């Protein structure tokens, strides 16, 4: 099936096509895999950004107070969990993608529409999960940085700031839950009959 050009348009017809028509005929598998890549990549970027911010402050604070280096590693673990959320969602999303092996000729349009819905669902799942995990990684990193600096100065503040950091880490978990709900409707029918 030539989903990229289902109506066998010529170059002149493609030039006169609207942007909506052009987006309509981008392969659904492209949207699916692009969503998986977005979920994974932006989650890892959020985690690495958070680890960078937390790690720098943690190492700087241990110069003044070496006792904080082990207990403040929890901030780095929270940041790493953000990357794990992205990996989990990528595995769930890639499990939804299947190759359509057979379809009746008279139902090609219906099969294409179903596949396009699945592709868009996975793309927007990747966008929402990726953005929530990117923001979560930054939030946890900044909070972990403040936690390390405050703990070096006043040890009593560690648990109080850790609670705030846990709430920041929950943002990424909420993104995963929303992503699971979003991609639950995505389906590529193996035999589109």
N, C-alpha and C. Protein backbone atom coordinates (compact mmCIF):
# COMPACT_ATOMS: atom_id res chain seq x y z
N UNK A 1 0.85 -1.17 0.00
CA UNK A 1 0.00 0.00 0.00
C UNK A 1 0.89 1.23 0.00
N UNK A 2 0.63 2.16 -0.89
CA UNK A 2 1.40 3.40 -0.97
C UNK A 2 0.69 4.47 -0.16
N UNK A 3 0.91 4.45 1.15
CA UNK A 3 0.21 5.40 2.01
C UNK A 3 0.76 6.81 1.87
N UNK A 4 1.97 6.94 1.42
CA UNK A 4 2.54 8.27 1.26
C UNK A 4 1.90 9.03 0.10
N UNK A 5 1.33 8.33 -0.85
CA UNK A 5 0.68 8.97 -1.99
C UNK A 5 -0.50 8.10 -2.41
N UNK A 6 -1.55 8.01 -1.58
CA UNK A 6 -2.62 7.05 -1.85
C UNK A 6 -3.43 7.36 -3.10
N UNK A 7 -3.44 8.60 -3.53
CA UNK A 7 -4.23 8.95 -4.72
C UNK A 7 -3.35 9.10 -5.96
N UNK A 8 -2.10 8.68 -5.86
CA UNK A 8 -1.13 8.76 -6.97
C UNK A 8 -1.10 10.17 -7.56
N UNK A 9 -0.94 11.16 -6.71
CA UNK A 9 -0.86 12.54 -7.16
C UNK A 9 0.44 12.79 -7.90
N UNK A 10 0.37 13.66 -8.85
CA UNK A 10 1.58 14.09 -9.57
C UNK A 10 2.23 15.20 -8.76
N UNK A 11 3.42 15.64 -9.22
CA UNK A 11 4.12 16.71 -8.51
C UNK A 11 3.32 18.01 -8.52
N UNK A 12 2.63 18.27 -9.60
CA UNK A 12 1.82 19.49 -9.70
C UNK A 12 0.66 19.44 -8.70
N UNK A 13 0.03 18.29 -8.56
CA UNK A 13 -1.07 18.15 -7.61
C UNK A 13 -0.57 18.28 -6.16
N UNK A 14 0.64 17.78 -5.88
CA UNK A 14 1.20 17.93 -4.54
C UNK A 14 1.48 19.39 -4.23
N UNK A 15 1.89 20.14 -5.25
CA UNK A 15 2.18 21.56 -5.02
C UNK A 15 0.92 22.35 -4.70
N UNK A 16 -0.20 21.93 -5.24
CA UNK A 16 -1.45 22.64 -4.97
C UNK A 16 -2.19 22.08 -3.74
N UNK A 17 -1.63 21.05 -3.11
CA UNK A 17 -2.27 20.45 -1.92
C UNK A 17 -2.14 21.39 -0.73
N UNK A 18 -3.13 21.33 0.14
CA UNK A 18 -3.08 22.13 1.37
C UNK A 18 -2.15 21.46 2.38
N UNK A 19 -1.79 22.19 3.43
CA UNK A 19 -0.94 21.61 4.46
C UNK A 19 -1.65 20.46 5.17
N UNK A 20 -2.95 20.58 5.32
CA UNK A 20 -3.72 19.50 5.95
C UNK A 20 -3.64 18.22 5.14
N UNK A 21 -3.73 18.35 3.81
CA UNK A 21 -3.62 17.16 2.96
C UNK A 21 -2.21 16.58 3.01
N UNK A 22 -1.23 17.43 3.08
CA UNK A 22 0.15 16.93 3.15
C UNK A 22 0.40 16.17 4.46
N UNK A 23 -0.09 16.72 5.57
CA UNK A 23 0.08 16.02 6.84
C UNK A 23 -0.75 14.75 6.89
N UNK A 24 -1.87 14.77 6.22
CA UNK A 24 -2.75 13.59 6.22
C UNK A 24 -2.07 12.38 5.60
N UNK A 25 -1.20 12.62 4.64
CA UNK A 25 -0.59 11.50 3.92
C UNK A 25 0.83 11.21 4.33
N UNK A 26 1.24 11.73 5.48
CA UNK A 26 2.51 11.27 6.06
C UNK A 26 2.23 9.90 6.68
N UNK A 27 3.12 8.98 6.45
CA UNK A 27 2.92 7.60 6.88
C UNK A 27 2.62 7.51 8.38
N UNK A 28 1.57 6.78 8.77
CA UNK A 28 1.24 6.64 10.20
C UNK A 28 2.36 6.04 11.03
N UNK A 29 3.17 5.19 10.42
CA UNK A 29 4.28 4.60 11.15
C UNK A 29 5.34 5.65 11.50
N UNK A 30 5.47 6.65 10.64
CA UNK A 30 6.38 7.76 10.96
C UNK A 30 5.92 8.46 12.24
N UNK A 31 4.62 8.79 12.31
CA UNK A 31 4.10 9.46 13.50
C UNK A 31 4.30 8.60 14.74
N UNK A 32 4.09 7.29 14.59
CA UNK A 32 4.24 6.38 15.74
C UNK A 32 5.67 6.36 16.25
N UNK A 33 6.61 6.12 15.36
CA UNK A 33 8.01 6.02 15.77
C UNK A 33 8.56 7.36 16.22
N UNK A 34 8.07 8.44 15.63
CA UNK A 34 8.50 9.77 16.06
C UNK A 34 8.01 10.05 17.48
N UNK A 35 6.79 9.60 17.81
CA UNK A 35 6.28 9.75 19.17
C UNK A 35 7.09 8.94 20.17
N UNK A 36 7.47 7.73 19.79
CA UNK A 36 8.31 6.90 20.66
C UNK A 36 9.65 7.59 20.89
N UNK A 37 10.23 8.12 19.82
CA UNK A 37 11.53 8.80 19.94
C UNK A 37 11.42 10.05 20.81
N UNK A 38 10.33 10.80 20.66
CA UNK A 38 10.15 12.00 21.49
C UNK A 38 10.02 11.65 22.96
N UNK A 39 9.23 10.63 23.27
CA UNK A 39 9.04 10.23 24.67
C UNK A 39 10.38 9.82 25.29
N UNK A 40 11.14 9.03 24.55
CA UNK A 40 12.41 8.53 25.08
C UNK A 40 13.46 9.63 25.18
N UNK A 41 13.61 10.39 24.10
CA UNK A 41 14.68 11.39 24.06
C UNK A 41 14.46 12.53 25.04
N UNK A 42 13.25 13.07 25.08
CA UNK A 42 13.03 14.19 25.98
C UNK A 42 13.04 13.76 27.45
N UNK A 43 12.65 12.54 27.73
CA UNK A 43 12.75 12.04 29.10
C UNK A 43 14.21 11.91 29.52
N UNK A 44 15.04 11.43 28.63
CA UNK A 44 16.46 11.29 28.95
C UNK A 44 17.13 12.66 29.07
N UNK A 45 16.72 13.61 28.23
CA UNK A 45 17.27 14.97 28.34
C UNK A 45 16.87 15.59 29.67
N UNK A 46 15.60 15.41 30.08
CA UNK A 46 15.16 15.93 31.38
C UNK A 46 15.94 15.31 32.53
N UNK A 47 16.16 13.99 32.45
CA UNK A 47 16.90 13.31 33.52
C UNK A 47 18.35 13.78 33.56
N UNK A 48 18.97 13.91 32.40
CA UNK A 48 20.38 14.33 32.39
C UNK A 48 20.53 15.77 32.85
N UNK A 49 19.59 16.61 32.48
CA UNK A 49 19.64 18.00 32.94
C UNK A 49 19.50 18.06 34.46
N UNK A 50 18.56 17.30 35.00
CA UNK A 50 18.38 17.26 36.44
C UNK A 50 19.59 16.71 37.17
N UNK A 51 20.18 15.64 36.64
CA UNK A 51 21.38 15.06 37.26
C UNK A 51 22.53 16.05 37.22
N UNK A 52 22.65 16.77 36.11
CA UNK A 52 23.71 17.77 35.99
C UNK A 52 23.57 18.87 37.05
N UNK A 53 22.36 19.41 37.16
CA UNK A 53 22.14 20.51 38.10
C UNK A 53 22.32 20.03 39.54
N UNK A 54 21.76 18.87 39.85
CA UNK A 54 21.88 18.33 41.21
C UNK A 54 23.33 17.94 41.52
N UNK A 55 23.97 17.28 40.56
CA UNK A 55 25.33 16.81 40.79
C UNK A 55 26.32 17.92 41.04
N UNK A 56 26.20 19.01 40.30
CA UNK A 56 27.11 20.13 40.49
C UNK A 56 26.97 20.72 41.89
N UNK A 57 25.72 20.93 42.31
CA UNK A 57 25.50 21.49 43.64
C UNK A 57 25.91 20.52 44.74
N UNK A 58 25.66 19.24 44.51
CA UNK A 58 26.02 18.23 45.50
C UNK A 58 27.53 18.17 45.69
N UNK A 59 28.26 18.17 44.59
CA UNK A 59 29.73 18.12 44.69
C UNK A 59 30.28 19.40 45.31
N UNK A 60 29.69 20.53 44.95
CA UNK A 60 30.15 21.78 45.55
C UNK A 60 29.85 21.85 47.04
N UNK A 61 28.71 21.34 47.45
CA UNK A 61 28.32 21.40 48.87
C UNK A 61 29.13 20.43 49.72
N UNK A 62 29.59 19.34 49.14
CA UNK A 62 30.36 18.38 49.94
C UNK A 62 31.72 18.93 50.35
N UNK A 63 32.16 20.00 49.70
CA UNK A 63 33.41 20.63 50.12
C UNK A 63 33.25 21.20 51.52
N UNK A 64 32.09 21.83 51.76
CA UNK A 64 31.83 22.41 53.09
C UNK A 64 31.37 21.35 54.09
N UNK A 65 30.53 20.41 53.63
CA UNK A 65 29.95 19.42 54.54
C UNK A 65 30.02 18.03 53.89
N UNK A 66 31.13 17.31 54.08
CA UNK A 66 31.27 15.99 53.44
C UNK A 66 30.21 14.98 53.86
N UNK A 67 29.52 15.19 54.97
CA UNK A 67 28.52 14.25 55.46
C UNK A 67 27.30 14.16 54.55
N UNK A 68 27.09 15.12 53.65
CA UNK A 68 25.85 15.13 52.86
C UNK A 68 25.96 14.31 51.57
N UNK A 69 27.15 13.88 51.22
CA UNK A 69 27.31 13.28 49.88
C UNK A 69 26.50 12.01 49.67
N UNK A 70 26.34 11.17 50.67
CA UNK A 70 25.60 9.92 50.46
C UNK A 70 24.10 10.10 50.56
N UNK A 71 23.62 10.87 51.52
CA UNK A 71 22.17 10.99 51.66
C UNK A 71 21.55 11.87 50.59
N UNK A 72 22.30 12.75 49.99
CA UNK A 72 21.76 13.59 48.92
C UNK A 72 21.80 12.90 47.56
N UNK A 73 22.30 11.69 47.49
CA UNK A 73 22.26 10.95 46.23
C UNK A 73 20.83 10.56 45.85
N UNK A 74 19.93 10.67 46.80
CA UNK A 74 18.52 10.38 46.50
C UNK A 74 17.99 11.33 45.43
N UNK A 75 18.51 12.55 45.40
CA UNK A 75 18.10 13.51 44.37
C UNK A 75 18.52 13.02 42.98
N UNK A 76 19.70 12.45 42.88
CA UNK A 76 20.17 11.91 41.60
C UNK A 76 19.32 10.71 41.20
N UNK A 77 18.91 9.90 42.17
CA UNK A 77 18.06 8.74 41.89
C UNK A 77 16.70 9.18 41.39
N UNK A 78 16.14 10.24 41.97
CA UNK A 78 14.86 10.77 41.49
C UNK A 78 14.99 11.25 40.05
N UNK A 79 16.11 11.88 39.73
CA UNK A 79 16.32 12.33 38.35
C UNK A 79 16.44 11.15 37.40
N UNK A 80 17.11 10.11 37.84
CA UNK A 80 17.27 8.93 36.99
C UNK A 80 15.93 8.24 36.75
N UNK A 81 15.02 8.32 37.71
CA UNK A 81 13.70 7.72 37.54
C UNK A 81 12.96 8.35 36.36
N UNK A 82 13.23 9.61 36.09
CA UNK A 82 12.59 10.28 34.95
C UNK A 82 12.97 9.60 33.64
N UNK A 83 14.25 9.24 33.49
CA UNK A 83 14.68 8.53 32.28
C UNK A 83 14.03 7.15 32.21
N UNK A 84 13.88 6.50 33.34
CA UNK A 84 13.24 5.18 33.37
C UNK A 84 11.77 5.28 32.96
N UNK A 85 11.10 6.37 33.36
CA UNK A 85 9.72 6.58 32.91
C UNK A 85 9.65 6.64 31.39
N UNK A 86 10.60 7.33 30.78
CA UNK A 86 10.62 7.42 29.32
C UNK A 86 10.86 6.08 28.65
N UNK A 87 11.74 5.27 29.24
CA UNK A 87 12.01 3.94 28.69
C UNK A 87 10.77 3.05 28.80
N UNK A 88 10.10 3.12 29.94
CA UNK A 88 8.89 2.32 30.13
C UNK A 88 7.82 2.69 29.11
N UNK A 89 7.63 4.00 28.92
CA UNK A 89 6.62 4.43 27.95
C UNK A 89 7.01 4.06 26.52
N UNK A 90 8.29 4.13 26.19
CA UNK A 90 8.72 3.74 24.85
C UNK A 90 8.43 2.26 24.61
N UNK A 91 8.64 1.42 25.61
CA UNK A 91 8.35 -0.01 25.47
C UNK A 91 6.86 -0.23 25.28
N UNK A 92 6.04 0.47 26.07
CA UNK A 92 4.59 0.32 25.92
C UNK A 92 4.14 0.79 24.55
N UNK A 93 4.67 1.91 24.10
CA UNK A 93 4.25 2.48 22.82
C UNK A 93 4.69 1.62 21.64
N UNK A 94 5.90 1.11 21.70
CA UNK A 94 6.40 0.31 20.57
C UNK A 94 5.63 -1.00 20.48
N UNK A 95 5.09 -1.47 21.61
CA UNK A 95 4.27 -2.67 21.59
C UNK A 95 2.94 -2.48 20.88
N UNK A 96 2.51 -1.24 20.73
CA UNK A 96 1.26 -0.95 20.04
C UNK A 96 1.39 -0.99 18.52
N UNK A 97 2.60 -0.80 18.01
CA UNK A 97 2.81 -0.71 16.57
C UNK A 97 2.89 -2.11 15.96
N UNK A 98 2.04 -2.36 14.97
CA UNK A 98 2.06 -3.62 14.23
C UNK A 98 1.99 -3.32 12.74
N UNK A 99 2.57 -4.18 11.95
CA UNK A 99 2.49 -4.03 10.51
C UNK A 99 1.18 -4.60 10.01
N UNK A 100 0.51 -3.83 9.18
CA UNK A 100 -0.74 -4.32 8.58
C UNK A 100 -0.37 -5.27 7.45
N UNK A 101 -0.75 -6.53 7.61
CA UNK A 101 -0.35 -7.55 6.65
C UNK A 101 -1.35 -7.73 5.53
N UNK A 102 -2.63 -7.57 5.82
CA UNK A 102 -3.63 -7.76 4.77
C UNK A 102 -4.79 -6.81 4.99
N UNK A 103 -5.37 -6.38 3.90
CA UNK A 103 -6.53 -5.50 3.95
C UNK A 103 -7.31 -5.68 2.66
N UNK A 104 -8.61 -5.61 2.73
CA UNK A 104 -9.41 -5.68 1.50
C UNK A 104 -9.22 -4.40 0.69
N UNK A 105 -9.18 -4.54 -0.59
CA UNK A 105 -8.92 -3.39 -1.47
C UNK A 105 -9.99 -2.31 -1.31
N UNK A 106 -11.22 -2.71 -1.07
CA UNK A 106 -12.29 -1.72 -0.96
C UNK A 106 -12.31 -1.03 0.40
N UNK A 107 -11.49 -1.48 1.37
CA UNK A 107 -11.44 -0.86 2.69
C UNK A 107 -10.10 -0.20 2.97
N UNK A 108 -9.34 0.13 1.94
CA UNK A 108 -8.03 0.74 2.14
C UNK A 108 -8.15 2.06 2.89
N UNK A 109 -9.17 2.85 2.57
CA UNK A 109 -9.35 4.14 3.22
C UNK A 109 -9.63 3.97 4.70
N UNK A 110 -10.47 2.99 5.05
CA UNK A 110 -10.79 2.75 6.45
C UNK A 110 -9.57 2.24 7.21
N UNK A 111 -8.80 1.35 6.60
CA UNK A 111 -7.59 0.84 7.24
C UNK A 111 -6.57 1.97 7.44
N UNK A 112 -6.47 2.85 6.45
CA UNK A 112 -5.54 3.97 6.55
C UNK A 112 -5.96 4.91 7.67
N UNK A 113 -7.25 5.19 7.77
CA UNK A 113 -7.75 6.08 8.81
C UNK A 113 -7.50 5.49 10.20
N UNK A 114 -7.70 4.19 10.37
CA UNK A 114 -7.42 3.54 11.65
C UNK A 114 -5.94 3.62 11.99
N UNK A 115 -5.09 3.36 11.00
CA UNK A 115 -3.65 3.43 11.24
C UNK A 115 -3.21 4.86 11.52
N UNK A 116 -3.82 5.82 10.83
CA UNK A 116 -3.47 7.22 11.06
C UNK A 116 -3.86 7.66 12.46
N UNK A 117 -5.03 7.21 12.93
CA UNK A 117 -5.44 7.51 14.31
C UNK A 117 -4.43 6.93 15.30
N UNK A 118 -4.01 5.70 15.06
CA UNK A 118 -3.00 5.09 15.94
C UNK A 118 -1.69 5.84 15.91
N UNK A 119 -1.27 6.26 14.73
CA UNK A 119 -0.02 7.03 14.60
C UNK A 119 -0.09 8.35 15.33
N UNK A 120 -1.19 9.08 15.14
CA UNK A 120 -1.35 10.35 15.84
C UNK A 120 -1.43 10.15 17.36
N UNK A 121 -2.12 9.09 17.79
CA UNK A 121 -2.23 8.81 19.23
C UNK A 121 -0.85 8.60 19.85
N UNK A 122 -0.02 7.81 19.17
CA UNK A 122 1.31 7.55 19.71
C UNK A 122 2.21 8.78 19.63
N UNK A 123 2.03 9.58 18.58
CA UNK A 123 2.82 10.81 18.48
C UNK A 123 2.50 11.75 19.64
N UNK A 124 1.22 12.00 19.88
CA UNK A 124 0.85 12.93 20.95
C UNK A 124 1.11 12.34 22.32
N UNK A 125 1.09 11.02 22.43
CA UNK A 125 1.51 10.39 23.68
C UNK A 125 2.98 10.70 23.94
N UNK A 126 3.79 10.58 22.91
CA UNK A 126 5.21 10.89 23.04
C UNK A 126 5.46 12.34 23.40
N UNK A 127 4.67 13.24 22.82
CA UNK A 127 4.83 14.66 23.14
C UNK A 127 4.47 14.93 24.61
N UNK A 128 3.34 14.42 25.06
CA UNK A 128 2.91 14.71 26.43
C UNK A 128 3.82 14.05 27.46
N UNK A 129 4.20 12.79 27.22
CA UNK A 129 5.09 12.10 28.16
C UNK A 129 6.47 12.76 28.16
N UNK A 130 6.96 13.08 26.99
CA UNK A 130 8.29 13.70 26.90
C UNK A 130 8.34 15.05 27.57
N UNK A 131 7.33 15.89 27.32
CA UNK A 131 7.34 17.21 27.94
C UNK A 131 7.18 17.13 29.46
N UNK A 132 6.29 16.25 29.92
CA UNK A 132 6.11 16.15 31.37
C UNK A 132 7.39 15.63 32.04
N UNK A 133 8.08 14.70 31.40
CA UNK A 133 9.32 14.19 31.99
C UNK A 133 10.47 15.18 31.86
N UNK A 134 10.48 15.97 30.80
CA UNK A 134 11.50 17.01 30.68
C UNK A 134 11.34 18.03 31.80
N UNK A 135 10.12 18.48 32.00
CA UNK A 135 9.85 19.46 33.06
C UNK A 135 10.07 18.85 34.44
N UNK A 136 9.69 17.59 34.59
CA UNK A 136 9.91 16.89 35.87
C UNK A 136 11.40 16.79 36.18
N UNK A 137 12.20 16.44 35.18
CA UNK A 137 13.65 16.33 35.40
C UNK A 137 14.27 17.65 35.82
N UNK A 138 13.82 18.73 35.17
CA UNK A 138 14.34 20.05 35.53
C UNK A 138 13.89 20.42 36.95
N UNK A 139 12.61 20.17 37.26
CA UNK A 139 12.10 20.51 38.59
C UNK A 139 12.82 19.73 39.69
N UNK A 140 12.99 18.44 39.48
CA UNK A 140 13.67 17.62 40.48
C UNK A 140 15.13 18.02 40.60
N UNK A 141 15.75 18.36 39.47
CA UNK A 141 17.15 18.78 39.51
C UNK A 141 17.35 20.08 40.28
N UNK A 142 16.50 21.06 40.03
CA UNK A 142 16.61 22.34 40.73
C UNK A 142 16.31 22.16 42.22
N UNK A 143 15.29 21.37 42.53
CA UNK A 143 14.95 21.13 43.94
C UNK A 143 16.06 20.34 44.63
N UNK A 144 16.63 19.35 43.94
CA UNK A 144 17.74 18.58 44.51
C UNK A 144 18.97 19.43 44.73
N UNK A 145 19.19 20.38 43.83
CA UNK A 145 20.30 21.30 44.00
C UNK A 145 20.11 22.15 45.25
N UNK A 146 18.89 22.67 45.40
CA UNK A 146 18.60 23.45 46.61
C UNK A 146 18.69 22.61 47.87
N UNK A 147 18.29 21.36 47.75
CA UNK A 147 18.34 20.45 48.90
C UNK A 147 19.78 20.23 49.35
N UNK A 148 20.67 20.03 48.41
CA UNK A 148 22.08 19.80 48.76
C UNK A 148 22.69 21.03 49.41
N UNK A 149 22.40 22.20 48.86
CA UNK A 149 22.97 23.43 49.41
C UNK A 149 22.39 23.72 50.79
N UNK A 150 21.07 23.55 50.94
CA UNK A 150 20.43 23.81 52.23
C UNK A 150 20.88 22.80 53.28
N UNK A 151 21.05 21.54 52.87
CA UNK A 151 21.47 20.51 53.83
C UNK A 151 22.90 20.77 54.30
N UNK A 152 23.75 21.27 53.43
CA UNK A 152 25.12 21.59 53.84
C UNK A 152 25.13 22.70 54.88
N UNK A 153 24.19 23.63 54.77
CA UNK A 153 24.12 24.77 55.69
C UNK A 153 23.35 24.41 56.97
N UNK A 154 22.14 23.82 56.78
CA UNK A 154 21.26 23.51 57.91
C UNK A 154 20.72 22.10 57.73
N UNK A 155 21.22 21.11 58.45
CA UNK A 155 20.82 19.71 58.24
C UNK A 155 19.33 19.44 58.47
N UNK A 156 18.64 20.26 59.26
CA UNK A 156 17.23 20.03 59.55
C UNK A 156 16.34 20.22 58.33
N UNK A 157 16.83 20.91 57.32
CA UNK A 157 16.00 21.21 56.14
C UNK A 157 15.94 20.05 55.14
N UNK A 158 16.76 19.03 55.33
CA UNK A 158 16.85 17.97 54.32
C UNK A 158 15.51 17.28 54.07
N UNK A 159 14.87 16.83 55.13
CA UNK A 159 13.62 16.07 54.98
C UNK A 159 12.52 16.97 54.42
N UNK A 160 12.48 18.22 54.83
CA UNK A 160 11.45 19.13 54.35
C UNK A 160 11.58 19.38 52.85
N UNK A 161 12.79 19.57 52.40
CA UNK A 161 12.99 19.80 50.96
C UNK A 161 12.82 18.50 50.19
N UNK A 162 13.14 17.38 50.80
CA UNK A 162 12.96 16.09 50.15
C UNK A 162 11.49 15.82 49.83
N UNK A 163 10.60 16.27 50.70
CA UNK A 163 9.16 16.11 50.46
C UNK A 163 8.75 16.91 49.21
N UNK A 164 9.27 18.11 49.08
CA UNK A 164 8.99 18.92 47.89
C UNK A 164 9.54 18.22 46.64
N UNK A 165 10.70 17.62 46.77
CA UNK A 165 11.31 16.91 45.64
C UNK A 165 10.50 15.69 45.24
N UNK A 166 9.91 15.02 46.19
CA UNK A 166 9.05 13.87 45.89
C UNK A 166 7.83 14.32 45.10
N UNK A 167 7.25 15.45 45.50
CA UNK A 167 6.11 15.97 44.74
C UNK A 167 6.51 16.38 43.33
N UNK A 168 7.70 16.91 43.16
CA UNK A 168 8.19 17.23 41.82
C UNK A 168 8.40 15.98 40.99
N UNK A 169 8.87 14.92 41.62
CA UNK A 169 9.07 13.65 40.92
C UNK A 169 7.75 13.02 40.51
N UNK A 170 6.69 13.32 41.25
CA UNK A 170 5.37 12.78 40.90
C UNK A 170 4.86 13.34 39.57
N UNK A 171 5.36 14.50 39.14
CA UNK A 171 4.94 15.05 37.85
C UNK A 171 5.26 14.09 36.71
N UNK A 172 6.43 13.48 36.77
CA UNK A 172 6.80 12.52 35.73
C UNK A 172 5.93 11.28 35.77
N UNK A 173 5.58 10.85 36.96
CA UNK A 173 4.70 9.69 37.10
C UNK A 173 3.31 10.00 36.57
N UNK A 174 2.83 11.22 36.80
CA UNK A 174 1.54 11.63 36.24
C UNK A 174 1.60 11.63 34.72
N UNK A 175 2.73 12.06 34.15
CA UNK A 175 2.89 12.03 32.70
C UNK A 175 2.83 10.63 32.14
N UNK A 176 3.41 9.68 32.87
CA UNK A 176 3.36 8.28 32.43
C UNK A 176 1.93 7.76 32.48
N UNK A 177 1.20 8.09 33.53
CA UNK A 177 -0.19 7.62 33.65
C UNK A 177 -1.04 8.21 32.54
N UNK A 178 -0.89 9.50 32.28
CA UNK A 178 -1.64 10.13 31.19
C UNK A 178 -1.23 9.51 29.85
N UNK A 179 0.05 9.22 29.67
CA UNK A 179 0.52 8.60 28.44
C UNK A 179 -0.07 7.21 28.22
N UNK A 180 -0.19 6.43 29.28
CA UNK A 180 -0.80 5.10 29.17
C UNK A 180 -2.26 5.23 28.75
N UNK A 181 -2.95 6.21 29.34
CA UNK A 181 -4.35 6.43 28.95
C UNK A 181 -4.44 6.88 27.50
N UNK A 182 -3.54 7.78 27.10
CA UNK A 182 -3.57 8.29 25.72
C UNK A 182 -3.33 7.20 24.70
N UNK A 183 -2.35 6.36 24.94
CA UNK A 183 -2.00 5.37 23.92
C UNK A 183 -2.84 4.11 24.00
N UNK A 184 -3.75 4.04 24.95
CA UNK A 184 -4.58 2.84 25.05
C UNK A 184 -5.52 2.70 23.85
N UNK A 185 -5.89 3.81 23.22
CA UNK A 185 -6.77 3.75 22.06
C UNK A 185 -6.05 3.53 20.74
N UNK A 186 -4.73 3.61 20.75
CA UNK A 186 -3.96 3.43 19.51
C UNK A 186 -3.92 1.96 19.13
N UNK A 187 -4.32 1.67 17.90
CA UNK A 187 -4.26 0.28 17.46
C UNK A 187 -3.96 0.23 15.97
N UNK A 188 -3.05 -0.65 15.63
CA UNK A 188 -2.75 -0.96 14.24
C UNK A 188 -3.26 -2.38 14.03
N UNK A 189 -4.32 -2.53 13.27
CA UNK A 189 -4.90 -3.84 13.08
C UNK A 189 -4.03 -4.66 12.16
N UNK A 190 -3.63 -5.83 12.63
CA UNK A 190 -2.75 -6.69 11.83
C UNK A 190 -3.44 -7.14 10.55
N UNK A 191 -4.70 -7.57 10.68
CA UNK A 191 -5.51 -7.91 9.53
C UNK A 191 -6.68 -6.96 9.50
N UNK A 192 -6.59 -5.96 8.66
CA UNK A 192 -7.62 -4.92 8.60
C UNK A 192 -8.80 -5.43 7.79
N UNK A 193 -9.71 -6.13 8.42
CA UNK A 193 -10.85 -6.71 7.73
C UNK A 193 -12.14 -6.10 8.22
